Amino acid sequence: MYIYNVTINIEQSVHDEWLLWMKKEHIPDMLATGKFSKALMTKVLVEEEMGGVTYSVQYTTDSKKTLEQYYIEDAPKLRADAERFSGSFVAFRTELEIISEQH
């Protein structure tokens, strides 16, 4: 299993609109690709010097191959949809491989 993690710092001026868009449109669109089994959105509780609010969204997928398919088939359109917030956020993406999970 893999996690595709996107960490985003969003400016306060568009925060509420962006958060609603993430919950009602973007995350459902990501899941609708069929390449992710779930999404977990968390708020980072450390205050950034640059201001804004930081979130981490973790999308779980079954394999590196599926994640590569997402990059080719879906990422360009879904990233373009975020252009409405261009200049108001900074994002970085990481890939994580799940080694073990305990409950």
N, C-alpha and C. Protein backbone atom coordinates (compact mmCIF):
# COMPACT_ATOMS: atom_id res chain seq x y z
N MET A 1 0.84 -1.19 0.00
CA MET A 1 0.00 0.00 0.00
C MET A 1 0.88 1.24 0.00
N TYR A 2 0.36 2.27 -0.64
CA TYR A 2 1.06 3.54 -0.73
C TYR A 2 0.14 4.67 -0.29
N ILE A 3 0.76 5.73 0.18
CA ILE A 3 0.03 6.96 0.49
C ILE A 3 0.62 8.07 -0.36
N TYR A 4 -0.26 8.76 -1.06
CA TYR A 4 0.11 9.96 -1.80
C TYR A 4 -0.26 11.12 -0.89
N ASN A 5 0.73 11.81 -0.36
CA ASN A 5 0.51 12.87 0.61
C ASN A 5 0.70 14.24 -0.05
N VAL A 6 -0.29 15.10 0.10
CA VAL A 6 -0.19 16.47 -0.41
C VAL A 6 -0.31 17.40 0.79
N THR A 7 0.73 18.19 1.02
CA THR A 7 0.73 19.17 2.10
C THR A 7 0.54 20.54 1.48
N ILE A 8 -0.45 21.28 1.96
CA ILE A 8 -0.82 22.57 1.38
C ILE A 8 -0.87 23.63 2.45
N ASN A 9 -0.26 24.78 2.18
CA ASN A 9 -0.42 25.95 3.02
C ASN A 9 -1.27 26.93 2.22
N ILE A 10 -2.43 27.28 2.77
CA ILE A 10 -3.39 28.16 2.09
C ILE A 10 -3.51 29.48 2.82
N GLU A 11 -3.53 30.57 2.06
CA GLU A 11 -3.66 31.90 2.67
C GLU A 11 -5.02 32.05 3.36
N GLN A 12 -5.01 32.78 4.44
CA GLN A 12 -6.22 32.99 5.22
C GLN A 12 -7.32 33.65 4.39
N SER A 13 -6.96 34.52 3.46
CA SER A 13 -7.95 35.27 2.68
C SER A 13 -8.87 34.39 1.83
N VAL A 14 -8.42 33.20 1.45
CA VAL A 14 -9.24 32.29 0.64
C VAL A 14 -9.49 30.95 1.36
N HIS A 15 -9.09 30.88 2.61
CA HIS A 15 -9.14 29.63 3.36
C HIS A 15 -10.51 28.97 3.34
N ASP A 16 -11.55 29.70 3.71
CA ASP A 16 -12.87 29.09 3.84
C ASP A 16 -13.38 28.55 2.50
N GLU A 17 -13.21 29.35 1.45
CA GLU A 17 -13.64 28.93 0.11
C GLU A 17 -12.85 27.68 -0.33
N TRP A 18 -11.54 27.70 -0.09
CA TRP A 18 -10.68 26.58 -0.48
C TRP A 18 -11.06 25.31 0.28
N LEU A 19 -11.27 25.43 1.60
CA LEU A 19 -11.60 24.28 2.42
C LEU A 19 -12.91 23.63 1.95
N LEU A 20 -13.91 24.44 1.65
CA LEU A 20 -15.18 23.93 1.13
C LEU A 20 -14.96 23.23 -0.20
N TRP A 21 -14.17 23.85 -1.09
CA TRP A 21 -13.86 23.24 -2.38
C TRP A 21 -13.15 21.90 -2.21
N MET A 22 -12.19 21.84 -1.30
CA MET A 22 -11.48 20.59 -1.06
C MET A 22 -12.45 19.49 -0.62
N LYS A 23 -13.31 19.80 0.35
CA LYS A 23 -14.19 18.78 0.91
C LYS A 23 -15.33 18.39 -0.03
N LYS A 24 -15.86 19.35 -0.78
CA LYS A 24 -17.04 19.08 -1.61
C LYS A 24 -16.69 18.71 -3.05
N GLU A 25 -15.50 19.14 -3.55
CA GLU A 25 -15.18 18.91 -4.95
C GLU A 25 -13.88 18.13 -5.15
N HIS A 26 -12.77 18.69 -4.68
CA HIS A 26 -11.47 18.13 -5.04
C HIS A 26 -11.25 16.71 -4.49
N ILE A 27 -11.46 16.51 -3.21
CA ILE A 27 -11.24 15.18 -2.64
C ILE A 27 -12.21 14.17 -3.25
N PRO A 28 -13.51 14.49 -3.39
CA PRO A 28 -14.39 13.55 -4.09
C PRO A 28 -13.94 13.26 -5.53
N ASP A 29 -13.42 14.27 -6.23
CA ASP A 29 -12.91 14.05 -7.59
C ASP A 29 -11.70 13.12 -7.58
N MET A 30 -10.82 13.28 -6.59
CA MET A 30 -9.66 12.40 -6.47
C MET A 30 -10.13 10.95 -6.26
N LEU A 31 -11.08 10.75 -5.36
CA LEU A 31 -11.58 9.41 -5.08
C LEU A 31 -12.33 8.84 -6.29
N ALA A 32 -12.98 9.71 -7.06
CA ALA A 32 -13.73 9.27 -8.24
C ALA A 32 -12.83 8.73 -9.35
N THR A 33 -11.52 8.99 -9.28
CA THR A 33 -10.62 8.42 -10.28
C THR A 33 -10.56 6.90 -10.16
N GLY A 34 -10.95 6.37 -9.00
CA GLY A 34 -10.89 4.95 -8.76
C GLY A 34 -9.50 4.46 -8.38
N LYS A 35 -8.57 5.39 -8.23
CA LYS A 35 -7.18 5.02 -7.94
C LYS A 35 -6.83 5.10 -6.46
N PHE A 36 -7.74 5.64 -5.66
CA PHE A 36 -7.50 5.79 -4.23
C PHE A 36 -8.66 5.17 -3.46
N SER A 37 -8.34 4.46 -2.39
CA SER A 37 -9.39 3.80 -1.61
C SER A 37 -9.95 4.69 -0.51
N LYS A 38 -9.16 5.66 -0.06
CA LYS A 38 -9.65 6.59 0.96
C LYS A 38 -8.77 7.84 0.97
N ALA A 39 -9.31 8.87 1.63
CA ALA A 39 -8.57 10.13 1.80
C ALA A 39 -8.73 10.58 3.24
N LEU A 40 -7.63 11.04 3.81
CA LEU A 40 -7.64 11.56 5.17
C LEU A 40 -7.08 12.98 5.13
N MET A 41 -7.89 13.93 5.56
CA MET A 41 -7.46 15.34 5.57
C MET A 41 -7.20 15.74 7.02
N THR A 42 -6.00 16.26 7.27
CA THR A 42 -5.65 16.69 8.62
C THR A 42 -5.13 18.13 8.58
N LYS A 43 -5.33 18.82 9.68
CA LYS A 43 -4.80 20.17 9.83
C LYS A 43 -3.49 20.08 10.59
N VAL A 44 -2.47 20.73 10.07
CA VAL A 44 -1.17 20.76 10.73
C VAL A 44 -1.24 21.81 11.84
N LEU A 45 -0.89 21.42 13.05
CA LEU A 45 -1.08 22.29 14.21
C LEU A 45 0.12 23.17 14.53
N VAL A 46 1.13 23.15 13.68
CA VAL A 46 2.28 24.02 13.87
C VAL A 46 2.04 25.31 13.08
N GLU A 47 2.24 26.45 13.72
CA GLU A 47 2.07 27.72 13.02
C GLU A 47 3.27 27.98 12.13
N GLU A 48 3.00 28.34 10.87
CA GLU A 48 4.05 28.63 9.90
C GLU A 48 4.44 30.09 9.98
N GLU A 49 5.72 30.37 9.82
CA GLU A 49 6.20 31.75 9.81
C GLU A 49 5.56 32.55 8.68
N MET A 50 5.28 31.88 7.56
CA MET A 50 4.70 32.57 6.41
C MET A 50 3.22 32.86 6.59
N GLY A 51 2.63 32.35 7.68
CA GLY A 51 1.21 32.56 7.90
C GLY A 51 0.39 31.49 7.20
N GLY A 52 -0.88 31.75 7.05
CA GLY A 52 -1.77 30.79 6.41
C GLY A 52 -2.07 29.61 7.31
N VAL A 53 -2.77 28.65 6.74
CA VAL A 53 -3.14 27.44 7.45
C VAL A 53 -2.63 26.27 6.62
N THR A 54 -2.06 25.27 7.29
CA THR A 54 -1.47 24.14 6.59
C THR A 54 -2.27 22.87 6.83
N TYR A 55 -2.47 22.11 5.76
CA TYR A 55 -3.18 20.85 5.80
C TYR A 55 -2.35 19.77 5.13
N SER A 56 -2.60 18.53 5.55
CA SER A 56 -2.04 17.36 4.89
C SER A 56 -3.21 16.50 4.45
N VAL A 57 -3.21 16.11 3.17
CA VAL A 57 -4.24 15.20 2.68
C VAL A 57 -3.52 13.93 2.22
N GLN A 58 -3.94 12.81 2.80
CA GLN A 58 -3.30 11.53 2.50
C GLN A 58 -4.29 10.64 1.76
N TYR A 59 -3.90 10.30 0.52
CA TYR A 59 -4.72 9.44 -0.34
C TYR A 59 -4.08 8.05 -0.36
N THR A 60 -4.82 7.03 0.03
CA THR A 60 -4.30 5.66 0.06
C THR A 60 -4.57 4.98 -1.28
N THR A 61 -3.53 4.32 -1.80
CA THR A 61 -3.64 3.59 -3.05
C THR A 61 -2.99 2.22 -2.91
N ASP A 62 -3.31 1.32 -3.81
CA ASP A 62 -2.85 -0.07 -3.67
C ASP A 62 -1.42 -0.31 -4.12
N SER A 63 -0.89 0.52 -5.02
CA SER A 63 0.44 0.23 -5.56
C SER A 63 1.09 1.46 -6.18
N LYS A 64 2.37 1.36 -6.38
CA LYS A 64 3.13 2.40 -7.08
C LYS A 64 2.62 2.53 -8.51
N LYS A 65 2.28 1.39 -9.12
CA LYS A 65 1.77 1.39 -10.50
C LYS A 65 0.48 2.21 -10.61
N THR A 66 -0.43 2.02 -9.66
CA THR A 66 -1.68 2.78 -9.67
C THR A 66 -1.41 4.27 -9.49
N LEU A 67 -0.46 4.59 -8.62
CA LEU A 67 -0.10 5.99 -8.40
C LEU A 67 0.49 6.59 -9.68
N GLU A 68 1.32 5.84 -10.37
CA GLU A 68 1.88 6.31 -11.64
C GLU A 68 0.78 6.54 -12.68
N GLN A 69 -0.23 5.67 -12.69
CA GLN A 69 -1.36 5.86 -13.59
C GLN A 69 -2.11 7.15 -13.25
N TYR A 70 -2.25 7.44 -11.98
CA TYR A 70 -2.89 8.69 -11.56
C TYR A 70 -2.12 9.88 -12.12
N TYR A 71 -0.78 9.86 -11.99
CA TYR A 71 0.03 10.97 -12.48
C TYR A 71 -0.19 11.21 -13.98
N ILE A 72 -0.30 10.14 -14.74
CA ILE A 72 -0.45 10.25 -16.19
C ILE A 72 -1.88 10.60 -16.60
N GLU A 73 -2.85 9.90 -16.02
CA GLU A 73 -4.23 10.00 -16.49
C GLU A 73 -5.06 11.09 -15.82
N ASP A 74 -4.77 11.43 -14.57
CA ASP A 74 -5.67 12.30 -13.82
C ASP A 74 -5.05 13.57 -13.25
N ALA A 75 -3.78 13.51 -12.87
CA ALA A 75 -3.16 14.63 -12.17
C ALA A 75 -3.21 15.95 -12.93
N PRO A 76 -2.92 15.97 -14.24
CA PRO A 76 -2.94 17.27 -14.93
C PRO A 76 -4.27 18.01 -14.80
N LYS A 77 -5.38 17.30 -15.00
CA LYS A 77 -6.70 17.95 -14.91
C LYS A 77 -7.02 18.36 -13.48
N LEU A 78 -6.78 17.46 -12.53
CA LEU A 78 -7.12 17.78 -11.15
C LEU A 78 -6.26 18.91 -10.60
N ARG A 79 -5.02 18.98 -10.99
CA ARG A 79 -4.16 20.10 -10.56
C ARG A 79 -4.59 21.39 -11.23
N ALA A 80 -5.03 21.32 -12.49
CA ALA A 80 -5.51 22.51 -13.19
C ALA A 80 -6.75 23.09 -12.53
N ASP A 81 -7.59 22.21 -11.97
CA ASP A 81 -8.81 22.67 -11.28
C ASP A 81 -8.47 23.57 -10.09
N ALA A 82 -7.28 23.40 -9.51
CA ALA A 82 -6.86 24.20 -8.36
C ALA A 82 -6.33 25.57 -8.77
N GLU A 83 -6.22 25.82 -10.06
CA GLU A 83 -5.69 27.11 -10.55
C GLU A 83 -6.51 28.29 -10.07
N ARG A 84 -7.76 28.07 -9.74
CA ARG A 84 -8.60 29.17 -9.24
C ARG A 84 -8.03 29.76 -7.95
N PHE A 85 -7.17 29.00 -7.26
CA PHE A 85 -6.53 29.48 -6.03
C PHE A 85 -5.06 29.82 -6.25
N SER A 86 -4.67 29.89 -7.50
CA SER A 86 -3.27 30.17 -7.86
C SER A 86 -2.75 31.42 -7.17
N GLY A 87 -1.56 31.32 -6.62
CA GLY A 87 -0.95 32.43 -5.91
C GLY A 87 -1.35 32.53 -4.45
N SER A 88 -2.32 31.71 -4.04
CA SER A 88 -2.81 31.74 -2.66
C SER A 88 -2.41 30.52 -1.86
N PHE A 89 -1.66 29.61 -2.48
CA PHE A 89 -1.26 28.41 -1.76
C PHE A 89 0.11 27.93 -2.23
N VAL A 90 0.72 27.14 -1.36
CA VAL A 90 1.96 26.44 -1.67
C VAL A 90 1.68 24.98 -1.35
N ALA A 91 2.08 24.07 -2.26
CA ALA A 91 1.85 22.65 -2.03
C ALA A 91 3.10 21.86 -2.32
N PHE A 92 3.31 20.81 -1.55
CA PHE A 92 4.34 19.85 -1.91
C PHE A 92 3.80 18.45 -1.70
N ARG A 93 4.30 17.56 -2.53
CA ARG A 93 3.75 16.21 -2.59
C ARG A 93 4.84 15.19 -2.23
N THR A 94 4.45 14.17 -1.49
CA THR A 94 5.37 13.09 -1.16
C THR A 94 4.65 11.76 -1.32
N GLU A 95 5.43 10.72 -1.61
CA GLU A 95 4.92 9.37 -1.70
C GLU A 95 5.44 8.60 -0.49
N LEU A 96 4.54 7.87 0.15
CA LEU A 96 4.89 7.08 1.32
C LEU A 96 4.51 5.63 1.08
N GLU A 97 5.39 4.71 1.46
CA GLU A 97 5.07 3.31 1.38
C GLU A 97 4.75 2.80 2.78
N ILE A 98 3.60 2.16 2.92
CA ILE A 98 3.20 1.62 4.21
C ILE A 98 4.00 0.34 4.47
N ILE A 99 4.75 0.33 5.54
CA ILE A 99 5.58 -0.81 5.92
C ILE A 99 4.83 -1.74 6.87
N SER A 100 4.15 -1.15 7.85
CA SER A 100 3.32 -1.95 8.75
C SER A 100 2.23 -1.07 9.31
N GLU A 101 1.16 -1.72 9.72
CA GLU A 101 0.02 -1.02 10.31
C GLU A 101 -0.47 -1.83 11.49
N GLN A 102 -0.64 -1.17 12.62
CA GLN A 102 -1.07 -1.87 13.82
C GLN A 102 -2.28 -1.16 14.41
N HIS A 103 -3.16 -1.92 14.99
CA HIS A 103 -4.39 -1.35 15.61
C HIS A 103 -4.47 -1.77 17.06
